[in-house]
Amino acid sequence: MDLDQQLQTLIDEAPDDGMTADAVRAIAPTLKAIAMQLKHGQYYILQTLDQNWVMTALSNRNQPENRKNIVYAYCTLQDVASGPHSVKDPQVMALPLPVTHILFQMLALKPIDSIIFFDTPGNVRKGIEVRRQDVQSLLQTQLQHPSSGQVPSDMA
């Protein structure tokens, strides 16, 4: 499924409340621009049986009070097994999700600060961090200036 199809699915599956589909339509260009900077159309996310994403709390050794919650997104199922949090818990599974859906969900899940996308198969040591705060800032800018639609080239 290409990015346009992914975004159309998000719009089509939005609640029929008269607002959500329009909101998704408004932010779709920014979600697409960020997704285009990543290499894959889908990534595997660790989830519990009730479909909650598995988060990892990271803290700085020098400043332990600085913590952030991250989610890992793997480009292959094999990478999940060799990743920082391989699936050993029978209550956790890795499910593929379209990249635009991951970005959209990140906005809705307040505890998540960043998603680390592992873009290179076989390499789970170096990922690309996409911070929720940065995505929110881009979306606010786009909504204030809808014609620009510019996303920094180093966003992802």
C-alpha atoms as a PDB file:
ATOM      1  CA  MET A   1       0.000   0.000   0.000  1.00  0.00           C
ATOM      2  CA  ASP A   2       1.560   3.311  -1.032  1.00  0.00           C
ATOM      3  CA  LEU A   3       1.489   6.421   1.170  1.00  0.00           C
ATOM      4  CA  ASP A   4      -1.547   7.957  -0.550  1.00  0.00           C
ATOM      5  CA  GLN A   5      -3.501   4.723  -0.033  1.00  0.00           C
ATOM      6  CA  GLN A   6      -2.408   4.624   3.611  1.00  0.00           C
ATOM      7  CA  LEU A   7      -3.619   8.172   4.166  1.00  0.00           C
ATOM      8  CA  GLN A   8      -6.907   7.483   2.379  1.00  0.00           C
ATOM      9  CA  THR A   9      -7.426   4.503   4.690  1.00  0.00           C
ATOM     10  CA  LEU A  10      -6.852   6.768   7.714  1.00  0.00           C
ATOM     11  CA  ILE A  11      -9.450   9.197   6.352  1.00  0.00           C
ATOM     12  CA  ASP A  12     -11.920   6.426   5.487  1.00  0.00           C
ATOM     13  CA  GLU A  13     -11.585   4.791   8.915  1.00  0.00           C
ATOM     14  CA  ALA A  14     -11.910   8.043  10.870  1.00  0.00           C
ATOM     15  CA  PRO A  15     -14.879   8.242  13.233  1.00  0.00           C
ATOM     16  CA  ASP A  16     -17.987   9.622  11.560  1.00  0.00           C
ATOM     17  CA  ASP A  17     -18.129  12.681  13.793  1.00  0.00           C
ATOM     18  CA  GLY A  18     -17.957  15.327  11.097  1.00  0.00           C
ATOM     19  CA  MET A  19     -14.502  16.519  12.193  1.00  0.00           C
ATOM     20  CA  THR A  20     -11.917  13.753  12.405  1.00  0.00           C
ATOM     21  CA  ALA A  21     -11.804  12.893   8.689  1.00  0.00           C
ATOM     22  CA  ASP A  22     -11.342  16.591   7.855  1.00  0.00           C
ATOM     23  CA  ALA A  23      -8.580  16.870  10.470  1.00  0.00           C
ATOM     24  CA  VAL A  24      -6.780  13.839   9.021  1.00  0.00           C
ATOM     25  CA  ARG A  25      -7.185  15.275   5.520  1.00  0.00           C
ATOM     26  CA  ALA A  26      -5.648  18.561   6.729  1.00  0.00           C
ATOM     27  CA  ILE A  27      -2.562  16.933   8.268  1.00  0.00           C
ATOM     28  CA  ALA A  28      -2.103  14.256   5.582  1.00  0.00           C
ATOM     29  CA  PRO A  29       0.476  16.243   3.545  1.00  0.00           C
ATOM     30  CA  THR A  30       2.752  16.592   6.582  1.00  0.00           C
ATOM     31  CA  LEU A  31       2.381  12.934   7.559  1.00  0.00           C
ATOM     32  CA  LYS A  32       3.214  11.958   3.980  1.00  0.00           C
ATOM     33  CA  ALA A  33       6.250  14.252   3.844  1.00  0.00           C
ATOM     34  CA  ILE A  34       7.664  12.738   7.047  1.00  0.00           C
ATOM     35  CA  ALA A  35       6.895   9.180   5.893  1.00  0.00           C
ATOM     36  CA  MET A  36       8.681   9.845   2.587  1.00  0.00           C
ATOM     37  CA  GLN A  37      11.899  10.457   4.532  1.00  0.00           C
ATOM     38  CA  LEU A  38      11.744   6.916   5.891  1.00  0.00           C
ATOM     39  CA  LYS A  39      12.674   3.939   3.734  1.00  0.00           C
ATOM     40  CA  HIS A  40       9.737   1.604   4.296  1.00  0.00           C
ATOM     41  CA  GLY A  41       5.972   1.696   3.864  1.00  0.00           C
ATOM     42  CA  GLN A  42       5.342  -0.407   6.948  1.00  0.00           C
ATOM     43  CA  TYR A  43       7.111  -1.197  10.184  1.00  0.00           C
ATOM     44  CA  TYR A  44       6.627  -3.754  12.923  1.00  0.00           C
ATOM     45  CA  ILE A  45       5.561  -2.420  16.317  1.00  0.00           C
ATOM     46  CA  LEU A  46       5.595  -4.501  19.487  1.00  0.00           C
ATOM     47  CA  GLN A  47       2.080  -4.670  20.900  1.00  0.00           C
ATOM     48  CA  THR A  48       0.298  -6.379  23.745  1.00  0.00           C
ATOM     49  CA  LEU A  49      -2.609  -8.714  23.032  1.00  0.00           C
ATOM     50  CA  ASP A  50      -5.034  -5.818  23.579  1.00  0.00           C
ATOM     51  CA  GLN A  51      -3.109  -3.792  20.944  1.00  0.00           C
ATOM     52  CA  ASN A  52      -1.336  -1.393  23.305  1.00  0.00           C
ATOM     53  CA  TRP A  53       2.080  -0.397  22.005  1.00  0.00           C
ATOM     54  CA  VAL A  54       5.080  -1.495  24.037  1.00  0.00           C
ATOM     55  CA  MET A  55       6.960   1.586  25.241  1.00  0.00           C
ATOM     56  CA  THR A  56      10.458   1.819  26.641  1.00  0.00           C
ATOM     57  CA  ALA A  57      11.422   4.504  29.136  1.00  0.00           C
ATOM     58  CA  LEU A  58      14.899   5.862  28.508  1.00  0.00           C
ATOM     59  CA  SER A  59      16.827   8.151  30.807  1.00  0.00           C
ATOM     60  CA  ASN A  60      20.093  10.001  30.510  1.00  0.00           C
ATOM     61  CA  ARG A  61      22.843   8.520  32.704  1.00  0.00           C
ATOM     62  CA  ASN A  62      24.089  11.987  33.611  1.00  0.00           C
ATOM     63  CA  GLN A  63      20.580  13.385  34.112  1.00  0.00           C
ATOM     64  CA  PRO A  64      18.330  10.516  35.257  1.00  0.00           C
ATOM     65  CA  GLU A  65      15.409  12.900  35.759  1.00  0.00           C
ATOM     66  CA  ASN A  66      15.328  13.436  31.983  1.00  0.00           C
ATOM     67  CA  ARG A  67      13.230  10.510  30.811  1.00  0.00           C
ATOM     68  CA  LYS A  68      11.393   9.850  27.612  1.00  0.00           C
ATOM     69  CA  ASN A  69       9.092   7.116  26.400  1.00  0.00           C
ATOM     70  CA  ILE A  70       9.915   5.626  23.040  1.00  0.00           C
ATOM     71  CA  VAL A  71       8.487   2.995  20.743  1.00  0.00           C
ATOM     72  CA  TYR A  72      10.662   0.941  18.417  1.00  0.00           C
ATOM     73  CA  ALA A  73       9.558   0.449  14.801  1.00  0.00           C
ATOM     74  CA  TYR A  74      11.359  -2.335  12.909  1.00  0.00           C
ATOM     75  CA  CYS A  75      11.505  -2.671   9.132  1.00  0.00           C
ATOM     76  CA  THR A  76      11.585  -6.492   9.220  1.00  0.00           C
ATOM     77  CA  LEU A  77      10.209  -9.181  11.469  1.00  0.00           C
ATOM     78  CA  GLN A  78      13.729 -10.625  11.779  1.00  0.00           C
ATOM     79  CA  ASP A  79      14.936  -7.317  13.221  1.00  0.00           C
ATOM     80  CA  VAL A  80      12.300  -7.528  15.945  1.00  0.00           C
ATOM     81  CA  ALA A  81      13.967 -10.708  17.227  1.00  0.00           C
ATOM     82  CA  SER A  82      17.407  -9.092  17.365  1.00  0.00           C
ATOM     83  CA  GLY A  83      16.222  -5.678  18.523  1.00  0.00           C
ATOM     84  CA  PRO A  84      16.677  -4.045  21.911  1.00  0.00           C
ATOM     85  CA  HIS A  85      13.481  -5.709  23.121  1.00  0.00           C
ATOM     86  CA  SER A  86      13.054  -9.055  21.488  1.00  0.00           C
ATOM     87  CA  VAL A  87       9.703 -10.727  21.984  1.00  0.00           C
ATOM     88  CA  LYS A  88      10.045 -13.092  24.924  1.00  0.00           C
ATOM     89  CA  ASP A  89       6.709 -12.339  26.535  1.00  0.00           C
ATOM     90  CA  PRO A  90       3.878 -14.484  25.094  1.00  0.00           C
ATOM     91  CA  GLN A  91       1.551 -11.517  25.721  1.00  0.00           C
ATOM     92  CA  VAL A  92       3.544  -9.373  23.237  1.00  0.00           C
ATOM     93  CA  MET A  93       3.641  -9.682  19.466  1.00  0.00           C
ATOM     94  CA  ALA A  94       5.055  -7.674  16.584  1.00  0.00           C
ATOM     95  CA  LEU A  95       2.465  -6.473  14.099  1.00  0.00           C
ATOM     96  CA  PRO A  96       3.042  -4.602  10.842  1.00  0.00           C
ATOM     97  CA  LEU A  97       1.538  -1.141  10.555  1.00  0.00           C
ATOM     98  CA  PRO A  98       1.606   1.363   7.702  1.00  0.00           C
ATOM     99  CA  VAL A  99       4.128   4.107   8.406  1.00  0.00           C
ATOM    100  CA  THR A 100       1.575   6.938   8.126  1.00  0.00           C
ATOM    101  CA  HIS A 101      -0.643   5.149  10.661  1.00  0.00           C
ATOM    102  CA  ILE A 102       2.295   4.897  13.074  1.00  0.00           C
ATOM    103  CA  LEU A 103       2.948   8.630  12.780  1.00  0.00           C
ATOM    104  CA  PHE A 104      -0.747   9.416  13.229  1.00  0.00           C
ATOM    105  CA  GLN A 105      -1.039   7.127  16.266  1.00  0.00           C
ATOM    106  CA  MET A 106       2.022   8.700  17.839  1.00  0.00           C
ATOM    107  CA  LEU A 107       0.135  11.995  17.944  1.00  0.00           C
ATOM    108  CA  ALA A 108      -2.770  10.389  19.775  1.00  0.00           C
ATOM    109  CA  LEU A 109      -0.709   8.461  22.322  1.00  0.00           C
ATOM    110  CA  LYS A 110       0.355  11.172  24.771  1.00  0.00           C
ATOM    111  CA  PRO A 111       2.900   9.120  26.726  1.00  0.00           C
ATOM    112  CA  ILE A 112       5.016   8.525  23.600  1.00  0.00           C
ATOM    113  CA  ASP A 113       7.798  11.064  23.153  1.00  0.00           C
ATOM    114  CA  SER A 114       9.519   9.473  20.135  1.00  0.00           C
ATOM    115  CA  ILE A 115       9.479   6.583  17.743  1.00  0.00           C
ATOM    116  CA  ILE A 116      12.785   5.048  16.736  1.00  0.00           C
ATOM    117  CA  PHE A 117      12.538   3.702  13.188  1.00  0.00           C
ATOM    118  CA  PHE A 118      15.078   1.028  12.336  1.00  0.00           C
ATOM    119  CA  ASP A 119      15.307   1.639   8.589  1.00  0.00           C
ATOM    120  CA  THR A 120      18.180  -0.664   7.639  1.00  0.00           C
ATOM    121  CA  PRO A 121      17.424  -4.399   7.712  1.00  0.00           C
ATOM    122  CA  GLY A 122      19.823  -6.204  10.027  1.00  0.00           C
ATOM    123  CA  ASN A 123      20.868  -3.028  11.868  1.00  0.00           C
ATOM    124  CA  VAL A 124      19.040  -2.426  15.139  1.00  0.00           C
ATOM    125  CA  ARG A 125      21.825  -0.348  16.633  1.00  0.00           C
ATOM    126  CA  LYS A 126      21.167   2.794  14.627  1.00  0.00           C
ATOM    127  CA  GLY A 127      17.677   4.147  14.225  1.00  0.00           C
ATOM    128  CA  ILE A 128      16.006   7.339  13.116  1.00  0.00           C
ATOM    129  CA  GLU A 129      14.230   9.207  15.881  1.00  0.00           C
ATOM    130  CA  VAL A 130      10.992  10.985  15.068  1.00  0.00           C
ATOM    131  CA  ARG A 131       9.949  13.109  18.026  1.00  0.00           C
ATOM    132  CA  ARG A 132       6.268  13.728  18.660  1.00  0.00           C
ATOM    133  CA  GLN A 133       7.011  17.319  19.648  1.00  0.00           C
ATOM    134  CA  ASP A 134       8.652  17.958  16.244  1.00  0.00           C
ATOM    135  CA  VAL A 135       5.751  16.386  14.351  1.00  0.00           C
ATOM    136  CA  GLN A 136       3.246  18.431  16.348  1.00  0.00           C
ATOM    137  CA  SER A 137       5.175  21.637  15.619  1.00  0.00           C
ATOM    138  CA  LEU A 138       5.231  20.855  11.904  1.00  0.00           C
ATOM    139  CA  LEU A 139       1.510  20.144  11.922  1.00  0.00           C
ATOM    140  CA  GLN A 140       0.749  23.389  13.735  1.00  0.00           C
ATOM    141  CA  THR A 141       2.821  25.314  11.200  1.00  0.00           C
ATOM    142  CA  GLN A 142       1.112  23.560   8.308  1.00  0.00           C
ATOM    143  CA  LEU A 143      -2.356  24.233   9.716  1.00  0.00           C
ATOM    144  CA  GLN A 144      -1.489  27.917  10.188  1.00  0.00           C
ATOM    145  CA  HIS A 145       0.035  28.169   6.692  1.00  0.00           C
ATOM    146  CA  PRO A 146      -1.659  25.449   4.617  1.00  0.00           C
ATOM    147  CA  SER A 147      -0.011  26.382   1.334  1.00  0.00           C
ATOM    148  CA  SER A 148       3.570  25.859   2.517  1.00  0.00           C
ATOM    149  CA  GLY A 149       3.481  22.123   3.354  1.00  0.00           C
ATOM    150  CA  GLN A 150       7.262  22.265   3.766  1.00  0.00           C
ATOM    151  CA  VAL A 151       8.903  19.712   6.006  1.00  0.00           C
ATOM    152  CA  PRO A 152      12.577  20.044   6.896  1.00  0.00           C
ATOM    153  CA  SER A 153      14.681  17.513   4.999  1.00  0.00           C
ATOM    154  CA  ASP A 154      16.198  16.258   8.264  1.00  0.00           C
ATOM    155  CA  MET A 155      12.884  15.632  10.017  1.00  0.00           C
ATOM    156  CA  ALA A 156      13.249  11.851   9.987  1.00  0.00           C
END
